[in-house]
């Protein structure tokens, strides 16, 4: 039985994120297939960002990262990130949106 609060399941069921996952799986090596390539490794990482429990239940925000990497000597990596937010009371259910990394500043500042 699916857990309605499982961040990975919520992200996979969100149409926009499912579309990006399908694109990442097919990648440049197999652009016409919706099935994952046998030469592709999937890694799913969950990063809890915040959460709080109280009288009404627990809320949470989780960053879910789906990483796809080709096998072999010249590997290629593709990632899809989703922000999954679950309210303490599940009347509305959890929601997921695409997440992206945006640089803050320039590379010269990071040195």
PDB file of N, CA and C in Angstrom:
ATOM      1  N   UNK A   1       0.842  -1.185   0.000  1.00  0.00           N
ATOM      2  CA  UNK A   1       0.000   0.000   0.000  1.00  0.00           C
ATOM      3  C   UNK A   1       0.884   1.246   0.000  1.00  0.00           C
ATOM      4  N   UNK A   2       0.553   2.213  -0.841  1.00  0.00           N
ATOM      5  CA  UNK A   2       1.329   3.443  -0.919  1.00  0.00           C
ATOM      6  C   UNK A   2       1.092   4.313   0.311  1.00  0.00           C
ATOM      7  N   UNK A   3       2.161   4.903   0.803  1.00  0.00           N
ATOM      8  CA  UNK A   3       2.075   5.850   1.900  1.00  0.00           C
ATOM      9  C   UNK A   3       1.844   7.227   1.297  1.00  0.00           C
ATOM     10  N   UNK A   4       0.706   7.884   1.592  1.00  0.00           N
ATOM     11  CA  UNK A   4       0.428   9.190   0.987  1.00  0.00           C
ATOM     12  C   UNK A   4       1.396  10.286   1.436  1.00  0.00           C
ATOM     13  N   UNK A   5       2.202  10.011   2.454  1.00  0.00           N
ATOM     14  CA  UNK A   5       3.170  10.994   2.940  1.00  0.00           C
ATOM     15  C   UNK A   5       4.601  10.668   2.511  1.00  0.00           C
ATOM     16  N   UNK A   6       4.795   9.625   1.714  1.00  0.00           N
ATOM     17  CA  UNK A   6       6.130   9.256   1.259  1.00  0.00           C
ATOM     18  C   UNK A   6       6.575  10.240   0.175  1.00  0.00           C
ATOM     19  N   UNK A   7       7.619  11.033   0.435  1.00  0.00           N
ATOM     20  CA  UNK A   7       8.034  12.059  -0.525  1.00  0.00           C
ATOM     21  C   UNK A   7       8.391  11.513  -1.907  1.00  0.00           C
ATOM     22  N   UNK A   8       9.019  10.336  -1.976  1.00  0.00           N
ATOM     23  CA  UNK A   8       9.411   9.771  -3.273  1.00  0.00           C
ATOM     24  C   UNK A   8       8.167   9.402  -4.080  1.00  0.00           C
ATOM     25  N   UNK A   9       7.192   8.758  -3.440  1.00  0.00           N
ATOM     26  CA  UNK A   9       5.955   8.384  -4.128  1.00  0.00           C
ATOM     27  C   UNK A   9       5.185   9.608  -4.601  1.00  0.00           C
ATOM     28  N   UNK A  10       5.107  10.618  -3.742  1.00  0.00           N
ATOM     29  CA  UNK A  10       4.397  11.853  -4.113  1.00  0.00           C
ATOM     30  C   UNK A  10       5.068  12.503  -5.318  1.00  0.00           C
ATOM     31  N   UNK A  11       6.391  12.563  -5.310  1.00  0.00           N
ATOM     32  CA  UNK A  11       7.117  13.174  -6.430  1.00  0.00           C
ATOM     33  C   UNK A  11       6.900  12.386  -7.719  1.00  0.00           C
ATOM     34  N   UNK A  12       7.002  11.056  -7.647  1.00  0.00           N
ATOM     35  CA  UNK A  12       6.833  10.224  -8.852  1.00  0.00           C
ATOM     36  C   UNK A  12       5.430  10.343  -9.454  1.00  0.00           C
ATOM     37  N   UNK A  13       4.420  10.600  -8.620  1.00  0.00           N
ATOM     38  CA  UNK A  13       3.034  10.684  -9.094  1.00  0.00           C
ATOM     39  C   UNK A  13       2.659  12.064  -9.624  1.00  0.00           C
ATOM     40  N   UNK A  14       3.504  13.060  -9.413  1.00  0.00           N
ATOM     41  CA  UNK A  14       3.225  14.403  -9.905  1.00  0.00           C
ATOM     42  C   UNK A  14       3.537  14.452 -11.399  1.00  0.00           C
ATOM     43  N   UNK A  15       2.547  14.788 -12.257  1.00  0.00           N
ATOM     44  CA  UNK A  15       2.728  14.692 -13.711  1.00  0.00           C
ATOM     45  C   UNK A  15       3.960  15.408 -14.261  1.00  0.00           C
ATOM     46  N   UNK A  16       4.216  16.623 -13.840  1.00  0.00           N
ATOM     47  CA  UNK A  16       5.360  17.378 -14.366  1.00  0.00           C
ATOM     48  C   UNK A  16       6.685  16.716 -13.987  1.00  0.00           C
ATOM     49  N   UNK A  17       6.757  16.208 -12.779  1.00  0.00           N
ATOM     50  CA  UNK A  17       7.984  15.553 -12.316  1.00  0.00           C
ATOM     51  C   UNK A  17       8.136  14.194 -13.007  1.00  0.00           C
ATOM     52  N   UNK A  18       7.036  13.455 -13.147  1.00  0.00           N
ATOM     53  CA  UNK A  18       7.084  12.163 -13.849  1.00  0.00           C
ATOM     54  C   UNK A  18       7.574  12.346 -15.281  1.00  0.00           C
ATOM     55  N   UNK A  19       7.154  13.430 -15.924  1.00  0.00           N
ATOM     56  CA  UNK A  19       7.601  13.716 -17.297  1.00  0.00           C
ATOM     57  C   UNK A  19       9.111  13.957 -17.331  1.00  0.00           C
ATOM     58  N   UNK A  20       9.621  14.735 -16.382  1.00  0.00           N
ATOM     59  CA  UNK A  20      11.066  15.011 -16.320  1.00  0.00           C
ATOM     60  C   UNK A  20      11.859  13.745 -16.021  1.00  0.00           C
ATOM     61  N   UNK A  21      11.316  12.884 -15.154  1.00  0.00           N
ATOM     62  CA  UNK A  21      11.991  11.621 -14.843  1.00  0.00           C
ATOM     63  C   UNK A  21      12.066  10.761 -16.097  1.00  0.00           C
ATOM     64  N   UNK A  22      10.977  10.706 -16.844  1.00  0.00           N
ATOM     65  CA  UNK A  22      10.956   9.932 -18.084  1.00  0.00           C
ATOM     66  C   UNK A  22      11.988  10.455 -19.074  1.00  0.00           C
ATOM     67  N   UNK A  23      12.102  11.775 -19.180  1.00  0.00           N
ATOM     68  CA  UNK A  23      13.098  12.381 -20.071  1.00  0.00           C
ATOM     69  C   UNK A  23      14.512  12.054 -19.601  1.00  0.00           C
ATOM     70  N   UNK A  24      14.748  12.103 -18.299  1.00  0.00           N
ATOM     71  CA  UNK A  24      16.082  11.815 -17.766  1.00  0.00           C
ATOM     72  C   UNK A  24      16.442  10.344 -17.977  1.00  0.00           C
ATOM     73  N   UNK A  25      15.455   9.470 -17.854  1.00  0.00           N
ATOM     74  CA  UNK A  25      15.698   8.040 -18.054  1.00  0.00           C
ATOM     75  C   UNK A  25      16.033   7.722 -19.500  1.00  0.00           C
ATOM     76  N   UNK A  26      15.324   8.365 -20.418  1.00  0.00           N
ATOM     77  CA  UNK A  26      15.565   8.060 -21.829  1.00  0.00           C
ATOM     78  C   UNK A  26      16.874   8.690 -22.281  1.00  0.00           C
ATOM     79  N   UNK A  27      17.135   9.909 -21.857  1.00  0.00           N
ATOM     80  CA  UNK A  27      18.415  10.572 -22.106  1.00  0.00           C
ATOM     81  C   UNK A  27      18.869  10.578 -23.546  1.00  0.00           C
ATOM     82  N   UNK A  28      20.080  11.028 -23.793  1.00  0.00           N
ATOM     83  CA  UNK A  28      20.598  11.124 -25.147  1.00  0.00           C
ATOM     84  C   UNK A  28      20.934   9.769 -25.762  1.00  0.00           C
ATOM     85  N   UNK A  29      21.141   8.732 -24.918  1.00  0.00           N
ATOM     86  CA  UNK A  29      21.517   7.427 -25.462  1.00  0.00           C
ATOM     87  C   UNK A  29      20.323   6.693 -26.058  1.00  0.00           C
ATOM     88  N   UNK A  30      19.112   6.956 -25.525  1.00  0.00           N
ATOM     89  CA  UNK A  30      17.927   6.230 -25.962  1.00  0.00           C
ATOM     90  C   UNK A  30      16.733   7.185 -25.965  1.00  0.00           C
ATOM     91  N   UNK A  31      16.707   8.187 -26.853  1.00  0.00           N
ATOM     92  CA  UNK A  31      15.732   9.259 -26.776  1.00  0.00           C
ATOM     93  C   UNK A  31      14.290   8.867 -27.082  1.00  0.00           C
ATOM     94  N   UNK A  32      14.025   7.689 -27.616  1.00  0.00           N
ATOM     95  CA  UNK A  32      12.659   7.326 -27.975  1.00  0.00           C
ATOM     96  C   UNK A  32      12.002   6.398 -26.966  1.00  0.00           C
ATOM     97  N   UNK A  33      12.710   5.954 -25.960  1.00  0.00           N
ATOM     98  CA  UNK A  33      12.163   4.974 -25.024  1.00  0.00           C
ATOM     99  C   UNK A  33      11.696   5.635 -23.735  1.00  0.00           C
ATOM    100  N   UNK A  34      10.528   5.192 -23.214  1.00  0.00           N
ATOM    101  CA  UNK A  34      10.059   5.627 -21.906  1.00  0.00           C
ATOM    102  C   UNK A  34      10.538   4.679 -20.810  1.00  0.00           C
ATOM    103  N   UNK A  35      11.137   3.568 -21.205  1.00  0.00           N
ATOM    104  CA  UNK A  35      11.638   2.590 -20.245  1.00  0.00           C
ATOM    105  C   UNK A  35      13.086   2.912 -19.898  1.00  0.00           C
ATOM    106  N   UNK A  36      13.474   2.712 -18.618  1.00  0.00           N
ATOM    107  CA  UNK A  36      14.864   2.968 -18.254  1.00  0.00           C
ATOM    108  C   UNK A  36      15.803   2.023 -19.001  1.00  0.00           C
ATOM    109  N   UNK A  37      16.903   2.548 -19.419  1.00  0.00           N
ATOM    110  CA  UNK A  37      17.896   1.753 -20.129  1.00  0.00           C
ATOM    111  C   UNK A  37      18.558   0.785 -19.160  1.00  0.00           C
ATOM    112  N   UNK A  38      18.958  -0.366 -19.660  1.00  0.00           N
ATOM    113  CA  UNK A  38      19.665  -1.334 -18.828  1.00  0.00           C
ATOM    114  C   UNK A  38      21.030  -0.787 -18.429  1.00  0.00           C
ATOM    115  N   UNK A  39      21.520   0.209 -19.155  1.00  0.00           N
ATOM    116  CA  UNK A  39      22.818   0.802 -18.884  1.00  0.00           C
ATOM    117  C   UNK A  39      22.704   2.053 -18.011  1.00  0.00           C
ATOM    118  N   UNK A  40      21.620   2.185 -17.244  1.00  0.00           N
ATOM    119  CA  UNK A  40      21.365   3.385 -16.463  1.00  0.00           C
ATOM    120  C   UNK A  40      21.134   3.020 -15.003  1.00  0.00           C
ATOM    121  N   UNK A  41      21.835   3.694 -14.106  1.00  0.00           N
ATOM    122  CA  UNK A  41      21.630   3.499 -12.671  1.00  0.00           C
ATOM    123  C   UNK A  41      20.784   4.635 -12.133  1.00  0.00           C
ATOM    124  N   UNK A  42      19.809   4.297 -11.276  1.00  0.00           N
ATOM    125  CA  UNK A  42      18.983   5.317 -10.624  1.00  0.00           C
ATOM    126  C   UNK A  42      19.341   5.367  -9.147  1.00  0.00           C
ATOM    127  N   UNK A  43      19.496   6.575  -8.640  1.00  0.00           N
ATOM    128  CA  UNK A  43      19.733   6.774  -7.214  1.00  0.00           C
ATOM    129  C   UNK A  43      18.735   7.832  -6.752  1.00  0.00           C
ATOM    130  N   UNK A  44      18.030   7.551  -5.664  1.00  0.00           N
ATOM    131  CA  UNK A  44      17.059   8.502  -5.121  1.00  0.00           C
ATOM    132  C   UNK A  44      17.552   8.935  -3.746  1.00  0.00           C
ATOM    133  N   UNK A  45      17.662  10.249  -3.559  1.00  0.00           N
ATOM    134  CA  UNK A  45      18.123  10.809  -2.295  1.00  0.00           C
ATOM    135  C   UNK A  45      17.037  11.702  -1.718  1.00  0.00           C
ATOM    136  N   UNK A  46      16.765  11.546  -0.431  1.00  0.00           N
ATOM    137  CA  UNK A  46      15.804  12.406   0.260  1.00  0.00           C
ATOM    138  C   UNK A  46      16.556  13.266   1.270  1.00  0.00           C
ATOM    139  N   UNK A  47      16.301  14.560   1.223  1.00  0.00           N
ATOM    140  CA  UNK A  47      16.938  15.482   2.163  1.00  0.00           C
ATOM    141  C   UNK A  47      15.838  16.211   2.925  1.00  0.00           C
ATOM    142  N   UNK A  48      15.630  15.882   4.205  1.00  0.00           N
ATOM    143  CA  UNK A  48      14.627  16.593   4.992  1.00  0.00           C
ATOM    144  C   UNK A  48      15.057  18.049   5.181  1.00  0.00           C
ATOM    145  N   UNK A  49      14.187  18.978   4.843  1.00  0.00           N
ATOM    146  CA  UNK A  49      14.519  20.392   4.972  1.00  0.00           C
ATOM    147  C   UNK A  49      13.940  20.998   6.240  1.00  0.00           C
ATOM    148  N   UNK A  50      12.696  20.668   6.539  1.00  0.00           N
ATOM    149  CA  UNK A  50      12.093  21.150   7.771  1.00  0.00           C
ATOM    150  C   UNK A  50      10.896  20.280   8.109  1.00  0.00           C
ATOM    151  N   UNK A  51      10.490  20.334   9.334  1.00  0.00           N
ATOM    152  CA  UNK A  51       9.332  19.587   9.782  1.00  0.00           C
ATOM    153  C   UNK A  51       9.000  19.977  11.198  1.00  0.00           C
ATOM    154  N   UNK A  52       7.741  19.740  11.547  1.00  0.00           N
ATOM    155  CA  UNK A  52       7.308  20.106  12.881  1.00  0.00           C
ATOM    156  C   UNK A  52       6.129  19.230  13.251  1.00  0.00           C
ATOM    157  N   UNK A  53       6.113  18.745  14.470  1.00  0.00           N
ATOM    158  CA  UNK A  53       5.000  17.946  14.957  1.00  0.00           C
ATOM    159  C   UNK A  53       4.312  18.695  16.091  1.00  0.00           C
ATOM    160  N   UNK A  54       3.003  18.607  16.095  1.00  0.00           N
ATOM    161  CA  UNK A  54       2.207  19.260  17.130  1.00  0.00           C
ATOM    162  C   UNK A  54       0.929  18.489  17.358  1.00  0.00           C
ATOM    163  N   UNK A  55      -0.040  19.135  17.963  1.00  0.00           N
ATOM    164  CA  UNK A  55      -1.310  18.511  18.295  1.00  0.00           C
ATOM    165  C   UNK A  55      -2.029  17.997  17.048  1.00  0.00           C
ATOM    166  N   UNK A  56      -1.963  18.740  15.933  1.00  0.00           N
ATOM    167  CA  UNK A  56      -2.695  18.380  14.711  1.00  0.00           C
ATOM    168  C   UNK A  56      -1.975  17.333  13.863  1.00  0.00           C
ATOM    169  N   UNK A  57      -0.731  17.059  14.145  1.00  0.00           N
ATOM    170  CA  UNK A  57       0.029  16.105  13.344  1.00  0.00           C
ATOM    171  C   UNK A  57       1.385  16.670  13.000  1.00  0.00           C
ATOM    172  N   UNK A  58       2.031  16.086  12.007  1.00  0.00           N
ATOM    173  CA  UNK A  58       3.377  16.507  11.616  1.00  0.00           C
ATOM    174  C   UNK A  58       3.370  17.078  10.199  1.00  0.00           C
ATOM    175  N   UNK A  59       4.128  18.138  10.017  1.00  0.00           N
ATOM    176  CA  UNK A  59       4.333  18.702   8.682  1.00  0.00           C
ATOM    177  C   UNK A  59       5.775  18.425   8.286  1.00  0.00           C
ATOM    178  N   UNK A  60       6.027  18.446   6.973  1.00  0.00           N
ATOM    179  CA  UNK A  60       7.402  18.221   6.524  1.00  0.00           C
ATOM    180  C   UNK A  60       7.629  18.842   5.162  1.00  0.00           C
ATOM    181  N   UNK A  61       8.876  19.188   4.900  1.00  0.00           N
ATOM    182  CA  UNK A  61       9.343  19.620   3.583  1.00  0.00           C
ATOM    183  C   UNK A  61      10.585  18.805   3.284  1.00  0.00           C
ATOM    184  N   UNK A  62      10.589  18.167   2.112  1.00  0.00           N
ATOM    185  CA  UNK A  62      11.687  17.269   1.751  1.00  0.00           C
ATOM    186  C   UNK A  62      12.121  17.544   0.323  1.00  0.00           C
ATOM    187  N   UNK A  63      13.426  17.619   0.102  1.00  0.00           N
ATOM    188  CA  UNK A  63      13.971  17.703  -1.241  1.00  0.00           C
ATOM    189  C   UNK A  63      14.266  16.272  -1.686  1.00  0.00           C
ATOM    190  N   UNK A  64      13.682  15.870  -2.827  1.00  0.00           N
ATOM    191  CA  UNK A  64      13.900  14.536  -3.377  1.00  0.00           C
ATOM    192  C   UNK A  64      14.683  14.692  -4.672  1.00  0.00           C
ATOM    193  N   UNK A  65      15.813  13.998  -4.768  1.00  0.00           N
ATOM    194  CA  UNK A  65      16.664  14.093  -5.952  1.00  0.00           C
ATOM    195  C   UNK A  65      16.745  12.715  -6.607  1.00  0.00           C
ATOM    196  N   UNK A  66      16.302  12.652  -7.869  1.00  0.00           N
ATOM    197  CA  UNK A  66      16.412  11.438  -8.680  1.00  0.00           C
ATOM    198  C   UNK A  66      17.623  11.638  -9.576  1.00  0.00           C
ATOM    199  N   UNK A  67      18.630  10.779  -9.440  1.00  0.00           N
ATOM    200  CA  UNK A  67      19.853  10.902 -10.224  1.00  0.00           C
ATOM    201  C   UNK A  67      19.993   9.668 -11.108  1.00  0.00           C
ATOM    202  N   UNK A  68      20.224   9.910 -12.398  1.00  0.00           N
ATOM    203  CA  UNK A  68      20.398   8.833 -13.372  1.00  0.00           C
ATOM    204  C   UNK A  68      21.794   8.943 -13.960  1.00  0.00           C
ATOM    205  N   UNK A  69      22.540   7.832 -13.905  1.00  0.00           N
ATOM    206  CA  UNK A  69      23.917   7.833 -14.396  1.00  0.00           C
ATOM    207  C   UNK A  69      24.131   6.643 -15.319  1.00  0.00           C
ATOM    208  N   UNK A  70      24.753   6.930 -16.465  1.00  0.00           N
ATOM    209  CA  UNK A  70      25.076   5.854 -17.401  1.00  0.00           C
ATOM    210  C   UNK A  70      26.243   5.058 -16.840  1.00  0.00           C
ATOM    211  N   UNK A  71      26.362   3.824 -17.298  1.00  0.00           N
ATOM    212  CA  UNK A  71      27.473   2.964 -16.880  1.00  0.00           C
ATOM    213  C   UNK A  71      28.580   3.055 -17.914  1.00  0.00           C
ATOM    214  N   UNK A  72      29.770   2.675 -17.533  1.00  0.00           N
ATOM    215  CA  UNK A  72      30.881   2.638 -18.472  1.00  0.00           C
ATOM    216  C   UNK A  72      31.958   3.639 -18.126  1.00  0.00           C
ATOM    217  N   UNK A  73      32.871   3.825 -19.066  1.00  0.00           N
ATOM    218  CA  UNK A  73      34.027   4.686 -18.837  1.00  0.00           C
ATOM    219  C   UNK A  73      33.672   6.170 -18.932  1.00  0.00           C
ATOM    220  N   UNK A  74      32.829   6.537 -19.865  1.00  0.00           N
ATOM    221  CA  UNK A  74      32.445   7.945 -20.048  1.00  0.00           C
ATOM    222  C   UNK A  74      31.010   8.132 -19.577  1.00  0.00           C
ATOM    223  N   UNK A  75      30.842   8.291 -18.265  1.00  0.00           N
ATOM    224  CA  UNK A  75      29.506   8.356 -17.699  1.00  0.00           C
ATOM    225  C   UNK A  75      28.874   9.722 -17.916  1.00  0.00           C
ATOM    226  N   UNK A  76      27.558   9.723 -17.990  1.00  0.00           N
ATOM    227  CA  UNK A  76      26.765  10.948 -18.054  1.00  0.00           C
ATOM    228  C   UNK A  76      25.759  10.886 -16.915  1.00  0.00           C
ATOM    229  N   UNK A  77      25.505  12.026 -16.295  1.00  0.00           N
ATOM    230  CA  UNK A  77      24.580  12.078 -15.170  1.00  0.00           C
ATOM    231  C   UNK A  77      23.494  13.097 -15.454  1.00  0.00           C
ATOM    232  N   UNK A  78      22.265  12.734 -15.067  1.00  0.00           N
ATOM    233  CA  UNK A  78      21.125  13.626 -15.196  1.00  0.00           C
ATOM    234  C   UNK A  78      20.350  13.561 -13.890  1.00  0.00           C
ATOM    235  N   UNK A  79      19.846  14.711 -13.421  1.00  0.00           N
ATOM    236  CA  UNK A  79      19.115  14.741 -12.158  1.00  0.00           C
ATOM    237  C   UNK A  79      17.791  15.469 -12.313  1.00  0.00           C
ATOM    238  N   UNK A  80      16.820  15.027 -11.519  1.00  0.00           N
ATOM    239  CA  UNK A  80      15.524  15.696 -11.411  1.00  0.00           C
ATOM    240  C   UNK A  80      15.304  15.929  -9.927  1.00  0.00           C
ATOM    241  N   UNK A  81      15.000  17.168  -9.551  1.00  0.00           N
ATOM    242  CA  UNK A  81      14.786  17.491  -8.146  1.00  0.00           C
ATOM    243  C   UNK A  81      13.350  17.933  -7.924  1.00  0.00           C
ATOM    244  N   UNK A  82      12.796  17.517  -6.782  1.00  0.00           N
ATOM    245  CA  UNK A  82      11.425  17.872  -6.432  1.00  0.00           C
ATOM    246  C   UNK A  82      11.384  18.318  -4.977  1.00  0.00           C
ATOM    247  N   UNK A  83      10.593  19.339  -4.712  1.00  0.00           N
ATOM    248  CA  UNK A  83      10.333  19.781  -3.349  1.00  0.00           C
ATOM    249  C   UNK A  83       8.960  19.242  -2.971  1.00  0.00           C
ATOM    250  N   UNK A  84       8.898  18.400  -1.937  1.00  0.00           N
ATOM    251  CA  UNK A  84       7.647  17.788  -1.495  1.00  0.00           C
ATOM    252  C   UNK A  84       7.289  18.371  -0.132  1.00  0.00           C
ATOM    253  N   UNK A  85       6.075  18.929  -0.041  1.00  0.00           N
ATOM    254  CA  UNK A  85       5.604  19.550   1.192  1.00  0.00           C
ATOM    255  C   UNK A  85       4.344  18.823   1.643  1.00  0.00           C
ATOM    256  N   UNK A  86       4.347  18.371   2.904  1.00  0.00           N
ATOM    257  CA  UNK A  86       3.193  17.694   3.487  1.00  0.00           C
ATOM    258  C   UNK A  86       2.689  18.515   4.674  1.00  0.00           C
ATOM    259  N   UNK A  87       1.411  18.905   4.661  1.00  0.00           N
ATOM    260  CA  UNK A  87       0.852  19.653   5.792  1.00  0.00           C
ATOM    261  C   UNK A  87       0.574  18.707   6.966  1.00  0.00           C
ATOM    262  N   UNK A  88       0.367  19.260   8.166  1.00  0.00           N
ATOM    263  CA  UNK A  88       0.119  18.389   9.316  1.00  0.00           C
ATOM    264  C   UNK A  88      -1.207  17.629   9.199  1.00  0.00           C
ATOM    265  N   UNK A  89      -2.204  18.243   8.637  1.00  0.00           N
ATOM    266  CA  UNK A  89      -3.505  17.596   8.473  1.00  0.00           C
ATOM    267  C   UNK A  89      -3.638  17.206   7.010  1.00  0.00           C
ATOM    268  N   UNK A  90      -3.906  15.944   6.732  1.00  0.00           N
ATOM    269  CA  UNK A  90      -3.834  15.426   5.365  1.00  0.00           C
ATOM    270  C   UNK A  90      -5.097  15.618   4.526  1.00  0.00           C
ATOM    271  N   UNK A  91      -5.947  16.575   4.853  1.00  0.00           N
ATOM    272  CA  UNK A  91      -7.130  16.819   4.018  1.00  0.00           C
ATOM    273  C   UNK A  91      -6.735  17.212   2.604  1.00  0.00           C
ATOM    274  N   UNK A  92      -5.678  18.007   2.474  1.00  0.00           N
ATOM    275  CA  UNK A  92      -5.231  18.471   1.167  1.00  0.00           C
ATOM    276  C   UNK A  92      -4.204  17.534   0.549  1.00  0.00           C
ATOM    277  N   UNK A  93      -3.546  16.745   1.337  1.00  0.00           N
ATOM    278  CA  UNK A  93      -2.519  15.859   0.829  1.00  0.00           C
ATOM    279  C   UNK A  93      -1.202  16.580   0.597  1.00  0.00           C
ATOM    280  N   UNK A  94      -0.188  15.811   0.308  1.00  0.00           N
ATOM    281  CA  UNK A  94       1.138  16.360   0.036  1.00  0.00           C
ATOM    282  C   UNK A  94       1.183  16.913  -1.385  1.00  0.00           C
ATOM    283  N   UNK A  95       2.053  17.868  -1.608  1.00  0.00           N
ATOM    284  CA  UNK A  95       2.215  18.468  -2.933  1.00  0.00           C
ATOM    285  C   UNK A  95       3.694  18.464  -3.294  1.00  0.00           C
ATOM    286  N   UNK A  96       3.967  18.303  -4.592  1.00  0.00           N
ATOM    287  CA  UNK A  96       5.344  18.310  -5.077  1.00  0.00           C
ATOM    288  C   UNK A  96       5.461  19.266  -6.247  1.00  0.00           C
ATOM    289  N   UNK A  97       6.581  19.977  -6.298  1.00  0.00           N
ATOM    290  CA  UNK A  97       6.894  20.867  -7.417  1.00  0.00           C
ATOM    291  C   UNK A  97       8.339  20.624  -7.823  1.00  0.00           C
ATOM    292  N   UNK A  98       8.643  20.919  -9.075  1.00  0.00           N
ATOM    293  CA  UNK A  98      10.024  20.826  -9.529  1.00  0.00           C
ATOM    294  C   UNK A  98      10.885  21.801  -8.750  1.00  0.00           C
ATOM    295  N   UNK A  99      12.066  21.377  -8.405  1.00  0.00           N
ATOM    296  CA  UNK A  99      13.022  22.239  -7.721  1.00  0.00           C
ATOM    297  C   UNK A  99      14.235  22.392  -8.614  1.00  0.00           C
ATOM    298  N   UNK A 100      14.904  23.502  -8.518  1.00  0.00           N
ATOM    299  CA  UNK A 100      16.121  23.699  -9.305  1.00  0.00           C
ATOM    300  C   UNK A 100      17.133  24.472  -8.490  1.00  0.00           C
ATOM    301  N   UNK A 101      18.373  24.320  -8.868  1.00  0.00           N
ATOM    302  CA  UNK A 101      19.464  25.013  -8.190  1.00  0.00           C
ATOM    303  C   UNK A 101      19.820  26.238  -9.009  1.00  0.00           C
ATOM    304  N   UNK A 102      19.824  27.382  -8.356  1.00  0.00           N
ATOM    305  CA  UNK A 102      20.210  28.622  -9.013  1.00  0.00           C
ATOM    306  C   UNK A 102      21.416  29.188  -8.286  1.00  0.00           C
ATOM    307  N   UNK A 103      22.452  29.564  -9.029  1.00  0.00           N
ATOM    308  CA  UNK A 103      23.648  30.099  -8.375  1.00  0.00           C
ATOM    309  C   UNK A 103      23.371  31.463  -7.743  1.00  0.00           C
ATOM    310  N   UNK A 104      24.012  31.710  -6.628  1.00  0.00           N
ATOM    311  CA  UNK A 104      23.928  32.990  -5.943  1.00  0.00           C
ATOM    312  C   UNK A 104      25.293  33.640  -6.036  1.00  0.00           C
ATOM    313  N   UNK A 105      25.454  34.608  -6.894  1.00  0.00           N
ATOM    314  CA  UNK A 105      26.736  35.261  -7.055  1.00  0.00           C
ATOM    315  C   UNK A 105      27.517  34.646  -8.203  1.00  0.00           C
ATOM    316  N   UNK A 106      28.797  34.943  -8.230  1.00  0.00           N
ATOM    317  CA  UNK A 106      29.639  34.442  -9.321  1.00  0.00           C
ATOM    318  C   UNK A 106      30.694  33.498  -8.776  1.00  0.00           C
ATOM    319  N   UNK A 107      31.389  32.808  -9.677  1.00  0.00           N
ATOM    320  CA  UNK A 107      32.426  31.876  -9.257  1.00  0.00           C
ATOM    321  C   UNK A 107      33.580  32.586  -8.571  1.00  0.00           C
ATOM    322  N   UNK A 108      33.846  33.812  -8.970  1.00  0.00           N
ATOM    323  CA  UNK A 108      34.947  34.546  -8.348  1.00  0.00           C
ATOM    324  C   UNK A 108      34.671  34.778  -6.865  1.00  0.00           C
ATOM    325  N   UNK A 109      33.404  34.946  -6.488  1.00  0.00           N
ATOM    326  CA  UNK A 109      33.063  35.160  -5.087  1.00  0.00           C
ATOM    327  C   UNK A 109      33.267  33.896  -4.252  1.00  0.00           C
ATOM    328  N   UNK A 110      33.140  32.741  -4.894  1.00  0.00           N
ATOM    329  CA  UNK A 110      33.245  31.472  -4.169  1.00  0.00           C
ATOM    330  C   UNK A 110      34.690  31.110  -3.853  1.00  0.00           C
ATOM    331  N   UNK A 111      35.652  31.734  -4.464  1.00  0.00           N
ATOM    332  CA  UNK A 111      37.062  31.381  -4.244  1.00  0.00           C
ATOM    333  C   UNK A 111      37.613  31.937  -2.984  1.00  0.00           C
TER     334      UNK A 111
END
